[in-house]
Amino acid sequence: MWCFVIIKCPYCGFEGDASEFNYLYEVTLYIMDSHVEREERERSVLIVCPKCKQGFFLENPYKRFYEYLDYNGSRYSVIRG
């Protein structure tokens, strides 16, 4: 049995199968002494709506950062969106 994931664009309301959307993943390459070094941070995938061409995230891209602050008992207050 096939399970299709339906995604809804928060900007224009377009709903479609996950295969109808475009995906953008940003990568930074660090070159040191002619070798590519691994990037330390993780980035969320940006989903681009095929209708309005606006990009959006399925989850907050700062989620892991907030979890890190909570786990380590940060004394800084953070406004969460």
N, C-alpha and C. Protein backbone atom coordinates (compact mmCIF):
# COMPACT_ATOMS: atom_id res chain seq x y z
N MET A 1 0.85 -1.18 0.00
CA MET A 1 0.00 0.00 0.00
C MET A 1 0.89 1.24 0.00
N TRP A 2 0.60 2.18 -0.88
CA TRP A 2 1.37 3.41 -0.98
C TRP A 2 0.81 4.47 -0.06
N CYS A 3 1.70 5.20 0.57
CA CYS A 3 1.29 6.30 1.45
C CYS A 3 1.80 7.60 0.86
N PHE A 4 0.89 8.48 0.49
CA PHE A 4 1.27 9.75 -0.09
C PHE A 4 1.23 10.84 0.96
N VAL A 5 2.25 11.67 0.97
CA VAL A 5 2.33 12.78 1.91
C VAL A 5 1.79 14.03 1.21
N ILE A 6 0.79 14.65 1.81
CA ILE A 6 0.22 15.87 1.26
C ILE A 6 0.83 17.05 2.02
N ILE A 7 1.36 18.00 1.26
CA ILE A 7 1.97 19.20 1.84
C ILE A 7 1.11 20.40 1.44
N LYS A 8 0.91 21.31 2.38
CA LYS A 8 0.14 22.52 2.10
C LYS A 8 1.04 23.75 2.23
N CYS A 9 1.05 24.59 1.21
CA CYS A 9 1.84 25.81 1.22
C CYS A 9 1.21 26.82 2.19
N PRO A 10 1.98 27.36 3.13
CA PRO A 10 1.41 28.32 4.07
C PRO A 10 1.15 29.70 3.44
N TYR A 11 1.66 29.93 2.25
CA TYR A 11 1.49 31.24 1.60
C TYR A 11 0.27 31.29 0.68
N CYS A 12 0.15 30.33 -0.22
CA CYS A 12 -0.96 30.39 -1.19
C CYS A 12 -2.02 29.32 -0.95
N GLY A 13 -1.75 28.36 -0.06
CA GLY A 13 -2.73 27.33 0.26
C GLY A 13 -2.72 26.13 -0.69
N PHE A 14 -1.79 26.11 -1.64
CA PHE A 14 -1.70 24.99 -2.58
C PHE A 14 -1.42 23.70 -1.81
N GLU A 15 -2.19 22.67 -2.13
CA GLU A 15 -1.97 21.36 -1.52
C GLU A 15 -1.60 20.38 -2.61
N GLY A 16 -0.59 19.59 -2.35
CA GLY A 16 -0.17 18.62 -3.34
C GLY A 16 0.69 17.53 -2.73
N ASP A 17 0.91 16.52 -3.51
CA ASP A 17 1.77 15.42 -3.11
C ASP A 17 3.20 15.93 -2.95
N ALA A 18 3.96 15.31 -2.10
CA ALA A 18 5.34 15.75 -1.84
C ALA A 18 6.19 15.78 -3.10
N SER A 19 5.86 14.93 -4.07
CA SER A 19 6.64 14.90 -5.31
C SER A 19 6.40 16.11 -6.21
N GLU A 20 5.34 16.87 -5.95
CA GLU A 20 5.03 18.06 -6.75
C GLU A 20 5.86 19.28 -6.32
N PHE A 21 6.40 19.25 -5.13
CA PHE A 21 7.17 20.37 -4.60
C PHE A 21 8.65 20.22 -4.95
N ASN A 22 9.35 21.34 -4.93
CA ASN A 22 10.80 21.33 -5.12
C ASN A 22 11.46 21.46 -3.75
N TYR A 23 12.66 20.93 -3.64
CA TYR A 23 13.38 20.94 -2.36
C TYR A 23 14.75 21.57 -2.56
N LEU A 24 15.11 22.41 -1.61
CA LEU A 24 16.40 23.11 -1.68
C LEU A 24 17.15 22.85 -0.38
N TYR A 25 18.36 22.35 -0.52
CA TYR A 25 19.19 22.08 0.64
C TYR A 25 20.48 22.87 0.49
N GLU A 26 20.72 23.76 1.42
CA GLU A 26 21.90 24.62 1.38
C GLU A 26 23.09 23.89 2.00
N VAL A 27 24.21 23.95 1.31
CA VAL A 27 25.42 23.31 1.80
C VAL A 27 26.58 24.29 1.65
N THR A 28 27.40 24.35 2.66
CA THR A 28 28.61 25.16 2.60
C THR A 28 29.80 24.21 2.62
N LEU A 29 30.67 24.38 1.66
CA LEU A 29 31.88 23.55 1.60
C LEU A 29 33.06 24.34 2.13
N TYR A 30 33.79 23.76 3.02
CA TYR A 30 35.00 24.37 3.57
C TYR A 30 36.19 23.62 2.98
N ILE A 31 37.04 24.35 2.29
CA ILE A 31 38.21 23.74 1.68
C ILE A 31 39.44 24.17 2.46
N MET A 32 40.16 23.18 2.97
CA MET A 32 41.37 23.45 3.73
C MET A 32 42.47 22.55 3.19
N ASP A 33 43.54 23.16 2.73
CA ASP A 33 44.67 22.40 2.17
C ASP A 33 44.22 21.42 1.08
N SER A 34 43.39 21.90 0.18
CA SER A 34 42.87 21.13 -0.97
C SER A 34 41.97 19.96 -0.58
N HIS A 35 41.46 19.93 0.64
CA HIS A 35 40.54 18.90 1.09
C HIS A 35 39.24 19.56 1.55
N VAL A 36 38.13 18.92 1.25
CA VAL A 36 36.83 19.42 1.67
C VAL A 36 36.56 18.96 3.09
N GLU A 37 36.27 19.92 3.97
CA GLU A 37 35.97 19.61 5.37
C GLU A 37 34.47 19.53 5.58
N ARG A 38 34.06 18.70 6.49
CA ARG A 38 32.64 18.52 6.83
C ARG A 38 32.12 19.75 7.56
N GLU A 39 30.91 20.17 7.19
CA GLU A 39 30.29 21.29 7.90
C GLU A 39 29.71 20.78 9.21
N GLU A 40 29.87 21.54 10.27
CA GLU A 40 29.46 21.08 11.59
C GLU A 40 27.97 21.24 11.87
N ARG A 41 27.31 22.19 11.23
CA ARG A 41 25.91 22.42 11.55
C ARG A 41 24.99 21.70 10.57
N GLU A 42 23.79 21.41 11.04
CA GLU A 42 22.78 20.79 10.21
C GLU A 42 21.82 21.86 9.73
N ARG A 43 21.33 21.71 8.53
CA ARG A 43 20.41 22.69 7.96
C ARG A 43 19.10 22.01 7.58
N SER A 44 18.01 22.73 7.74
CA SER A 44 16.71 22.21 7.36
C SER A 44 16.51 22.33 5.86
N VAL A 45 15.72 21.44 5.32
CA VAL A 45 15.40 21.46 3.89
C VAL A 45 14.34 22.54 3.65
N LEU A 46 14.56 23.38 2.65
CA LEU A 46 13.60 24.40 2.27
C LEU A 46 12.70 23.81 1.18
N ILE A 47 11.40 23.88 1.39
CA ILE A 47 10.44 23.36 0.43
C ILE A 47 9.92 24.54 -0.38
N VAL A 48 9.91 24.41 -1.71
CA VAL A 48 9.48 25.49 -2.59
C VAL A 48 8.17 25.08 -3.27
N CYS A 49 7.17 25.94 -3.12
CA CYS A 49 5.85 25.70 -3.69
C CYS A 49 5.90 25.85 -5.21
N PRO A 50 5.33 24.89 -5.96
CA PRO A 50 5.35 24.99 -7.41
C PRO A 50 4.41 26.07 -7.96
N LYS A 51 3.45 26.50 -7.15
CA LYS A 51 2.48 27.49 -7.61
C LYS A 51 2.96 28.93 -7.38
N CYS A 52 3.30 29.27 -6.14
CA CYS A 52 3.67 30.66 -5.81
C CYS A 52 5.19 30.86 -5.73
N LYS A 53 5.97 29.78 -5.80
CA LYS A 53 7.43 29.82 -5.77
C LYS A 53 8.01 30.34 -4.45
N GLN A 54 7.23 30.33 -3.38
CA GLN A 54 7.72 30.74 -2.07
C GLN A 54 8.31 29.53 -1.35
N GLY A 55 9.37 29.77 -0.59
CA GLY A 55 10.00 28.70 0.16
C GLY A 55 9.55 28.70 1.60
N PHE A 56 9.45 27.52 2.20
CA PHE A 56 9.05 27.41 3.60
C PHE A 56 9.66 26.14 4.20
N PHE A 57 9.73 26.12 5.52
CA PHE A 57 10.25 24.96 6.24
C PHE A 57 9.08 24.17 6.82
N LEU A 58 9.21 22.86 6.90
CA LEU A 58 8.17 22.05 7.55
C LEU A 58 8.28 22.12 9.07
N GLU A 59 9.48 22.39 9.55
CA GLU A 59 9.67 22.56 11.00
C GLU A 59 10.59 23.75 11.22
N ASN A 60 10.56 24.27 12.41
CA ASN A 60 11.38 25.42 12.75
C ASN A 60 12.86 25.08 12.57
N PRO A 61 13.59 25.85 11.74
CA PRO A 61 15.00 25.54 11.52
C PRO A 61 15.88 25.73 12.77
N TYR A 62 15.35 26.40 13.77
CA TYR A 62 16.11 26.63 15.01
C TYR A 62 15.72 25.66 16.11
N LYS A 63 14.93 24.64 15.79
CA LYS A 63 14.44 23.69 16.79
C LYS A 63 15.58 23.05 17.59
N ARG A 64 16.59 22.55 16.92
CA ARG A 64 17.70 21.89 17.62
C ARG A 64 18.47 22.88 18.50
N PHE A 65 18.58 24.14 18.05
CA PHE A 65 19.25 25.17 18.84
C PHE A 65 18.48 25.42 20.13
N TYR A 66 17.15 25.52 20.04
CA TYR A 66 16.33 25.72 21.24
C TYR A 66 16.43 24.52 22.18
N GLU A 67 16.43 23.32 21.61
CA GLU A 67 16.57 22.12 22.44
C GLU A 67 17.91 22.11 23.15
N TYR A 68 18.96 22.57 22.46
CA TYR A 68 20.29 22.64 23.06
C TYR A 68 20.29 23.62 24.23
N LEU A 69 19.66 24.78 24.04
CA LEU A 69 19.60 25.77 25.11
C LEU A 69 18.84 25.24 26.32
N ASP A 70 17.70 24.59 26.06
CA ASP A 70 16.91 24.02 27.15
C ASP A 70 17.67 22.92 27.89
N TYR A 71 18.36 22.07 27.14
CA TYR A 71 19.09 20.96 27.72
C TYR A 71 20.25 21.45 28.59
N ASN A 72 20.92 22.50 28.15
CA ASN A 72 22.07 23.01 28.88
C ASN A 72 21.72 24.10 29.88
N GLY A 73 20.44 24.35 30.08
CA GLY A 73 20.00 25.31 31.08
C GLY A 73 20.52 26.72 30.81
N SER A 74 20.36 27.16 29.61
CA SER A 74 20.86 28.48 29.23
C SER A 74 20.19 29.57 30.07
N ARG A 75 20.97 30.57 30.44
CA ARG A 75 20.43 31.69 31.22
C ARG A 75 19.85 32.77 30.33
N TYR A 76 19.95 32.57 29.01
CA TYR A 76 19.42 33.55 28.06
C TYR A 76 17.98 33.22 27.74
N SER A 77 17.14 34.25 27.70
CA SER A 77 15.76 34.02 27.30
C SER A 77 15.68 34.08 25.78
N VAL A 78 14.95 33.17 25.22
CA VAL A 78 14.85 33.07 23.77
C VAL A 78 13.37 33.20 23.38
N ILE A 79 13.10 34.03 22.40
CA ILE A 79 11.75 34.17 21.89
C ILE A 79 11.57 33.12 20.79
N ARG A 80 10.58 32.29 20.97
CA ARG A 80 10.35 31.20 20.01
C ARG A 80 9.16 31.54 19.15
N GLY A 81 9.34 31.34 17.82
CA GLY A 81 8.27 31.66 16.86
C GLY A 81 7.46 30.48 16.48
